[in-house]
């Protein structure tokens, strides 16, 4: 089984000391993959910058002018909002990040690889059509979806976002689109304050956004339950031709930003479920694209576990173990029942 692994050394240029989304994140992923002998076993490719024609499929011309100005001005650092920064090569690196996901998708759809892993940054799922947000500059996954649709003629793409934050940018780009089923599980209430159960799309996209807002404290058992009860059912009904995963590891119990309780074993389980889903529904065509995750050990091992799963192996790295306090998870059953009712599952 060939797994395309796409990354780029220039991702470390995007850096702000003391900021949660810093260059050490990608270095942690590279280090863990290398130490476990995974880099040599994957089809390693260097990302190329995404062409602006694909950026324009989800972002406005005015926003692109702002991003170009970042590079042209050569300022040391610019804050595009209170959370989101860009350095003098911010737009170049963002194009390499989006380009990494596009290349992984291209490798899979062209038949050069069975599946793909894009270790990219800056992340993308908060980037809005007309502005940066939440550490994100470009909608990496949405750009790759439009590339897949327009280059390979795909009519149905499933995006599953298991980052701890709601993927509000991705949702905004496909909210009225019935060719994309967007499923986001996220802590709520929490940043960015969107992603309610009854936010299900509009126009012809009605019913093609599925939000799973989780109270703090849910972990392995809850995630396993709603994947089995909700995500499998929604995916089978939709019958995707490609699955792209916005893979954030900030739902891990050690993450310094959030308050969810997934372990690395729990993360490995849901990743394997998505791979099984791709095997059943779309010939194994699946790409995981890195989003958040701010405990470096959880992030590095989480990405390595995705690589093992994509290679078809059962190995799971979990040096951090389960949550240490033994508190029970909240009851997930009322949420599952409510989502089933809203979406007719």
Protein backbone atom coordinates (compact mmCIF):
# COMPACT_ATOMS: atom_id res chain seq x y z
CA UNK A 1 0.00 0.00 0.00
CA UNK A 2 1.50 3.33 -1.07
CA UNK A 3 0.91 6.34 1.16
CA UNK A 4 1.86 9.77 -0.14
CA UNK A 5 3.46 11.89 2.59
CA UNK A 6 3.67 15.57 1.70
CA UNK A 7 5.48 18.26 3.65
CA UNK A 8 8.02 21.07 3.09
CA UNK A 9 11.06 22.41 5.02
CA UNK A 10 9.90 26.00 4.53
CA UNK A 11 6.94 25.46 6.88
CA UNK A 12 9.28 26.45 9.72
CA UNK A 13 9.56 29.99 8.28
CA UNK A 14 6.08 30.70 9.64
CA UNK A 15 6.95 31.27 13.30
CA UNK A 16 6.19 33.48 16.26
CA UNK A 17 7.90 32.62 19.55
CA UNK A 18 5.39 32.09 22.32
CA UNK A 19 2.47 31.64 19.94
CA UNK A 20 0.66 28.26 20.15
CA UNK A 21 0.98 27.78 16.37
CA UNK A 22 4.78 27.87 16.07
CA UNK A 23 7.43 26.13 13.99
CA UNK A 24 8.10 23.55 16.69
CA UNK A 25 4.81 21.87 15.83
CA UNK A 26 5.91 20.67 12.40
CA UNK A 27 9.37 19.80 13.72
CA UNK A 28 7.72 17.54 16.32
CA UNK A 29 5.86 15.71 13.55
CA UNK A 30 8.97 15.31 11.40
CA UNK A 31 10.96 14.04 14.43
CA UNK A 32 8.39 11.44 15.47
CA UNK A 33 7.92 10.09 11.95
CA UNK A 34 11.70 9.86 11.49
CA UNK A 35 12.38 8.23 14.86
CA UNK A 36 9.81 5.51 14.13
CA UNK A 37 11.18 4.77 10.67
CA UNK A 38 8.01 6.00 8.97
CA UNK A 39 9.51 8.66 6.73
CA UNK A 40 11.43 6.02 4.77
CA UNK A 41 8.33 3.84 4.34
CA UNK A 42 6.11 6.59 2.98
CA UNK A 43 6.19 8.09 -0.50
CA UNK A 44 7.75 11.36 0.63
CA UNK A 45 7.03 14.39 -1.54
CA UNK A 46 7.86 18.07 -1.22
CA UNK A 47 4.86 20.38 -1.45
CA UNK A 48 4.60 22.84 -4.31
CA UNK A 49 2.86 26.25 -4.04
CA UNK A 50 -0.82 26.10 -4.92
CA UNK A 51 -1.70 28.15 -7.99
CA UNK A 52 -3.81 31.23 -7.39
CA UNK A 53 -6.55 29.95 -9.70
CA UNK A 54 -7.35 27.34 -7.04
CA UNK A 55 -7.15 29.80 -4.16
CA UNK A 56 -9.73 31.94 -5.96
CA UNK A 57 -12.22 29.07 -5.93
CA UNK A 58 -12.78 29.67 -2.20
CA UNK A 59 -11.22 33.07 -1.39
CA UNK A 60 -12.04 36.57 -2.62
CA UNK A 61 -9.81 38.63 -4.90
CA UNK A 62 -9.59 41.35 -2.26
CA UNK A 63 -8.29 38.90 0.34
CA UNK A 64 -5.67 37.66 -2.11
CA UNK A 65 -4.50 41.24 -2.55
CA UNK A 66 -4.03 41.46 1.22
CA UNK A 67 -2.02 38.23 1.25
CA UNK A 68 0.17 39.36 -1.65
CA UNK A 69 0.81 42.62 0.19
CA UNK A 70 2.16 40.65 3.16
CA UNK A 71 4.99 39.27 1.04
CA UNK A 72 5.52 42.43 -0.96
CA UNK A 73 5.77 44.68 2.11
CA UNK A 74 8.50 42.49 3.67
CA UNK A 75 7.49 43.57 7.15
CA UNK A 76 8.90 41.52 10.00
CA UNK A 77 5.47 40.40 11.14
CA UNK A 78 1.84 41.34 10.57
CA UNK A 79 -1.15 40.45 12.76
CA UNK A 80 -4.17 39.87 10.55
CA UNK A 81 -6.39 39.43 13.61
CA UNK A 82 -5.62 39.09 17.34
CA UNK A 83 -4.75 35.39 16.90
CA UNK A 84 -3.34 35.18 13.39
CA UNK A 85 0.10 36.34 12.28
CA UNK A 86 2.16 36.26 9.11
CA UNK A 87 5.84 36.97 8.56
CA UNK A 88 7.58 38.38 5.49
CA UNK A 89 7.03 35.13 3.55
CA UNK A 90 3.62 34.37 5.07
CA UNK A 91 1.74 34.11 1.81
CA UNK A 92 4.45 31.98 0.20
CA UNK A 93 4.36 29.51 3.08
CA UNK A 94 0.55 29.50 3.13
CA UNK A 95 0.56 28.63 -0.57
CA UNK A 96 2.95 25.76 0.19
CA UNK A 97 0.63 24.59 2.97
CA UNK A 98 -2.44 24.54 0.72
CA UNK A 99 -0.30 23.12 -2.07
CA UNK A 100 0.70 20.25 0.17
CA UNK A 101 -2.90 19.14 0.59
CA UNK A 102 -3.56 19.61 -3.14
CA UNK A 103 -0.52 17.46 -4.01
CA UNK A 104 -1.60 14.69 -1.63
CA UNK A 105 -5.09 14.71 -3.16
CA UNK A 106 -3.63 14.67 -6.66
CA UNK A 107 -1.43 11.67 -5.84
CA UNK A 108 -4.45 9.73 -4.61
CA UNK A 109 -6.85 10.65 -7.40
CA UNK A 110 -4.25 10.04 -10.12
CA UNK A 111 -3.63 6.56 -8.76
CA UNK A 112 0.00 7.21 -7.81
CA UNK A 113 -0.83 6.55 -4.14
CA UNK A 114 -3.58 4.72 -2.31
CA UNK A 115 -3.98 7.40 0.34
CA UNK A 116 -2.21 10.46 1.66
CA UNK A 117 -0.90 12.35 4.68
CA UNK A 118 -0.22 16.10 4.41
CA UNK A 119 1.91 17.42 7.29
CA UNK A 120 1.39 21.09 6.59
CA UNK A 121 1.21 24.46 8.32
CA UNK A 122 -0.12 27.06 8.82
CA UNK A 123 -3.46 25.27 9.34
CA UNK A 124 -6.53 26.20 7.33
CA UNK A 125 -9.97 25.34 8.68
CA UNK A 126 -10.70 28.75 10.24
CA UNK A 127 -9.66 30.79 7.18
CA UNK A 128 -12.73 32.60 5.88
CA UNK A 129 -13.38 33.45 2.23
CA UNK A 130 -12.41 37.09 2.79
CA UNK A 131 -10.12 37.13 5.84
CA UNK A 132 -7.66 35.21 8.00
CA UNK A 133 -8.80 33.78 11.32
CA UNK A 134 -7.77 31.46 14.12
CA UNK A 135 -4.10 30.90 13.11
CA UNK A 136 -5.23 30.11 9.53
CA UNK A 137 -4.36 31.99 6.31
CA UNK A 138 -5.74 29.83 3.48
CA UNK A 139 -8.48 27.19 3.41
CA UNK A 140 -6.13 24.29 2.70
CA UNK A 141 -8.75 21.55 2.59
CA UNK A 142 -11.44 23.56 0.72
CA UNK A 143 -8.90 24.53 -1.94
CA UNK A 144 -7.98 20.86 -2.36
CA UNK A 145 -11.66 19.94 -2.64
CA UNK A 146 -12.23 22.42 -5.47
CA UNK A 147 -9.07 21.13 -7.17
CA UNK A 148 -10.36 17.56 -6.93
CA UNK A 149 -13.78 18.51 -8.26
CA UNK A 150 -12.59 20.61 -11.17
CA UNK A 151 -9.58 18.50 -12.19
CA UNK A 152 -11.00 15.01 -11.67
CA UNK A 153 -14.73 15.65 -12.00
CA UNK A 154 -15.65 14.48 -8.50
CA UNK A 155 -19.27 15.13 -7.56
CA UNK A 156 -19.23 14.13 -3.88
CA UNK A 157 -16.46 14.89 -1.39
CA UNK A 158 -16.72 14.20 2.34
CA UNK A 159 -14.76 16.40 4.75
CA UNK A 160 -14.48 15.18 8.35
CA UNK A 161 -12.98 17.70 10.77
CA UNK A 162 -11.93 16.29 14.15
CA UNK A 163 -9.98 19.32 15.32
CA UNK A 164 -11.25 20.51 18.71
CA UNK A 165 -12.40 23.81 17.19
CA UNK A 166 -15.31 24.11 14.79
CA UNK A 167 -14.14 24.39 11.18
CA UNK A 168 -16.05 27.60 10.56
CA UNK A 169 -14.04 28.61 7.48
CA UNK A 170 -14.58 25.27 5.79
CA UNK A 171 -18.27 25.39 6.68
CA UNK A 172 -18.65 28.90 5.22
CA UNK A 173 -17.09 27.85 1.92
CA UNK A 174 -19.51 24.93 1.38
CA UNK A 175 -22.62 25.96 3.32
CA UNK A 176 -24.81 26.18 0.21
CA UNK A 177 -23.14 23.30 -1.67
CA UNK A 178 -24.61 19.79 -1.97
CA UNK A 179 -21.44 18.37 -3.54
CA UNK A 180 -19.60 18.49 -0.19
CA UNK A 181 -20.72 16.87 3.05
CA UNK A 182 -18.93 18.68 5.88
CA UNK A 183 -18.89 16.99 9.30
CA UNK A 184 -17.28 18.77 12.25
CA UNK A 185 -16.96 17.47 15.81
CA UNK A 186 -15.80 20.18 18.21
CA UNK A 187 -15.85 21.41 21.78
CA UNK A 188 -18.75 23.77 22.46
CA UNK A 189 -19.12 26.36 23.75
CA UNK A 190 -15.63 27.25 22.57
CA UNK A 191 -13.79 29.25 19.92
CA UNK A 192 -14.95 30.30 17.33
CA UNK A 193 -18.49 30.07 18.75
CA UNK A 194 -20.07 28.48 15.68
CA UNK A 195 -21.15 24.95 14.75
CA UNK A 196 -24.53 24.42 16.38
CA UNK A 197 -26.58 21.28 15.72
CA UNK A 198 -29.19 23.19 13.72
CA UNK A 199 -26.59 24.81 11.44
CA UNK A 200 -27.10 22.33 8.62
CA UNK A 201 -26.55 24.34 5.42
CA UNK A 202 -28.72 26.54 3.24
CA UNK A 203 -30.21 26.44 -0.24
CA UNK A 204 -29.20 23.32 -2.09
CA UNK A 205 -26.63 22.72 0.66
CA UNK A 206 -29.36 22.19 3.28
CA UNK A 207 -28.50 19.03 5.18
CA UNK A 208 -24.91 18.85 3.90
CA UNK A 209 -23.36 20.43 7.01
CA UNK A 210 -23.39 18.16 10.07
CA UNK A 211 -22.16 19.66 13.33
CA UNK A 212 -21.40 17.65 16.46
CA UNK A 213 -20.91 20.19 19.30
CA UNK A 214 -19.44 18.44 22.34
CA UNK A 215 -19.34 19.62 25.93
CA UNK A 216 -15.90 19.61 27.53
CA UNK A 217 -14.85 16.22 28.89
CA UNK A 218 -15.82 13.84 26.10
CA UNK A 219 -13.20 11.26 25.21
CA UNK A 220 -12.55 7.89 23.61
CA UNK A 221 -15.91 6.25 24.37
CA UNK A 222 -17.97 9.23 23.22
CA UNK A 223 -16.04 9.63 19.98
CA UNK A 224 -16.31 5.92 19.20
CA UNK A 225 -20.06 6.09 19.82
CA UNK A 226 -20.85 9.03 17.55
CA UNK A 227 -18.58 7.77 14.79
CA UNK A 228 -20.52 4.51 14.81
CA UNK A 229 -23.98 6.07 15.19
CA UNK A 230 -23.69 9.30 13.19
CA UNK A 231 -20.67 9.61 10.93
CA UNK A 232 -20.88 6.13 9.42
CA UNK A 233 -24.59 6.60 8.69
CA UNK A 234 -24.13 10.04 7.13
CA UNK A 235 -21.19 8.87 5.02
CA UNK A 236 -23.02 5.81 3.72
CA UNK A 237 -25.98 7.94 2.74
CA UNK A 238 -23.74 10.46 0.96
CA UNK A 239 -21.53 7.90 -0.86
CA UNK A 240 -18.39 10.07 -1.22
CA UNK A 241 -15.84 9.65 -3.98
CA UNK A 242 -13.06 11.06 -1.76
CA UNK A 243 -12.64 11.71 1.97
CA UNK A 244 -10.44 14.51 3.31
CA UNK A 245 -9.82 14.71 7.05
CA UNK A 246 -9.00 17.96 8.83
CA UNK A 247 -6.82 16.26 11.43
CA UNK A 248 -6.37 18.35 14.57
CA UNK A 249 -4.91 16.76 17.69
CA UNK A 250 -6.09 19.40 20.16
CA UNK A 251 -8.92 17.17 21.44
CA UNK A 252 -6.20 15.20 23.24
CA UNK A 253 -6.52 15.36 27.03
CA UNK A 254 -3.07 16.99 27.43
CA UNK A 255 -3.72 19.85 25.02
CA UNK A 256 -3.07 23.21 26.72
CA UNK A 257 -5.82 25.08 24.85
CA UNK A 258 -8.88 22.81 25.01
CA UNK A 259 -10.67 20.57 27.51
CA UNK A 260 -11.50 17.36 25.66
CA UNK A 261 -10.28 13.93 26.78
CA UNK A 262 -9.30 11.86 23.75
CA UNK A 263 -6.21 9.67 24.16
CA UNK A 264 -3.86 8.80 21.33
CA UNK A 265 -5.53 5.37 21.21
CA UNK A 266 -8.90 7.10 20.85
CA UNK A 267 -7.54 9.25 18.05
CA UNK A 268 -6.10 6.18 16.33
CA UNK A 269 -9.49 4.49 16.53
CA UNK A 270 -11.40 7.29 14.80
CA UNK A 271 -8.65 7.64 12.17
CA UNK A 272 -8.91 3.92 11.42
CA UNK A 273 -12.70 4.23 11.23
CA UNK A 274 -12.33 6.93 8.57
CA UNK A 275 -9.89 4.76 6.63
CA UNK A 276 -12.35 1.85 6.82
CA UNK A 277 -15.03 4.24 5.61
CA UNK A 278 -12.90 5.19 2.61
CA UNK A 279 -12.18 1.52 1.88
CA UNK A 280 -15.89 0.71 1.87
CA UNK A 281 -17.22 3.79 0.08
CA UNK A 282 -14.59 5.23 -2.25
CA UNK A 283 -11.89 2.71 -3.02
CA UNK A 284 -9.69 3.78 -0.12
CA UNK A 285 -9.26 7.34 -1.38
CA UNK A 286 -8.55 9.38 1.75
CA UNK A 287 -6.19 12.21 2.67
CA UNK A 288 -5.43 13.46 6.18
CA UNK A 289 -4.41 17.14 6.38
CA UNK A 290 -2.86 18.47 9.59
CA UNK A 291 -4.74 21.21 11.43
CA UNK A 292 -4.32 22.03 15.16
CA UNK A 293 -2.75 20.32 18.16
CA UNK A 294 -0.58 22.16 20.68
CA UNK A 295 0.90 19.50 22.90
CA UNK A 296 3.88 18.52 20.78
CA UNK A 297 4.09 14.93 22.00
CA UNK A 298 0.40 14.34 21.32
CA UNK A 299 0.67 15.98 17.90
CA UNK A 300 3.78 14.09 16.78
CA UNK A 301 2.53 10.70 17.94
CA UNK A 302 -0.96 11.40 16.63
CA UNK A 303 0.34 12.07 13.15
CA UNK A 304 2.58 8.99 13.34
CA UNK A 305 -0.42 6.87 14.28
CA UNK A 306 -2.28 8.18 11.22
CA UNK A 307 0.71 7.15 9.10
CA UNK A 308 0.67 3.63 10.59
CA UNK A 309 -3.07 3.36 9.93
CA UNK A 310 -2.72 4.56 6.34
CA UNK A 311 -0.04 1.90 5.83
CA UNK A 312 -2.57 -0.69 7.02
CA UNK A 313 -0.81 -1.42 10.31
CA UNK A 314 -2.19 -1.79 13.83
CA UNK A 315 0.70 -0.06 15.62
CA UNK A 316 -0.47 2.70 17.98
CA UNK A 317 1.97 4.96 19.81
CA UNK A 318 0.54 6.21 23.12
CA UNK A 319 3.27 7.31 25.54
CA UNK A 320 0.82 9.67 27.26
CA UNK A 321 -1.83 7.08 28.11
CA UNK A 322 -5.42 7.85 29.14
CA UNK A 323 -6.53 10.84 31.23
CA UNK A 324 -5.02 10.45 34.68
CA UNK A 325 -7.93 11.64 36.84
CA UNK A 326 -10.38 8.86 35.98
CA UNK A 327 -13.39 11.17 35.66
CA UNK A 328 -16.30 9.68 33.68
CA UNK A 329 -17.24 11.16 30.32
CA UNK A 330 -20.53 13.05 29.92
CA UNK A 331 -23.43 11.02 28.52
CA UNK A 332 -23.19 11.26 24.71
CA UNK A 333 -26.56 9.60 24.04
CA UNK A 334 -28.79 12.72 24.14
CA UNK A 335 -26.53 14.50 21.62
CA UNK A 336 -26.51 11.48 19.30
CA UNK A 337 -30.30 11.28 19.49
CA UNK A 338 -30.68 14.99 18.73
CA UNK A 339 -28.36 14.88 15.72
CA UNK A 340 -30.09 11.81 14.34
CA UNK A 341 -33.41 13.61 14.58
CA UNK A 342 -32.12 16.80 12.90
CA UNK A 343 -30.47 14.88 10.03
CA UNK A 344 -32.91 12.00 9.66
CA UNK A 345 -30.28 9.35 10.36
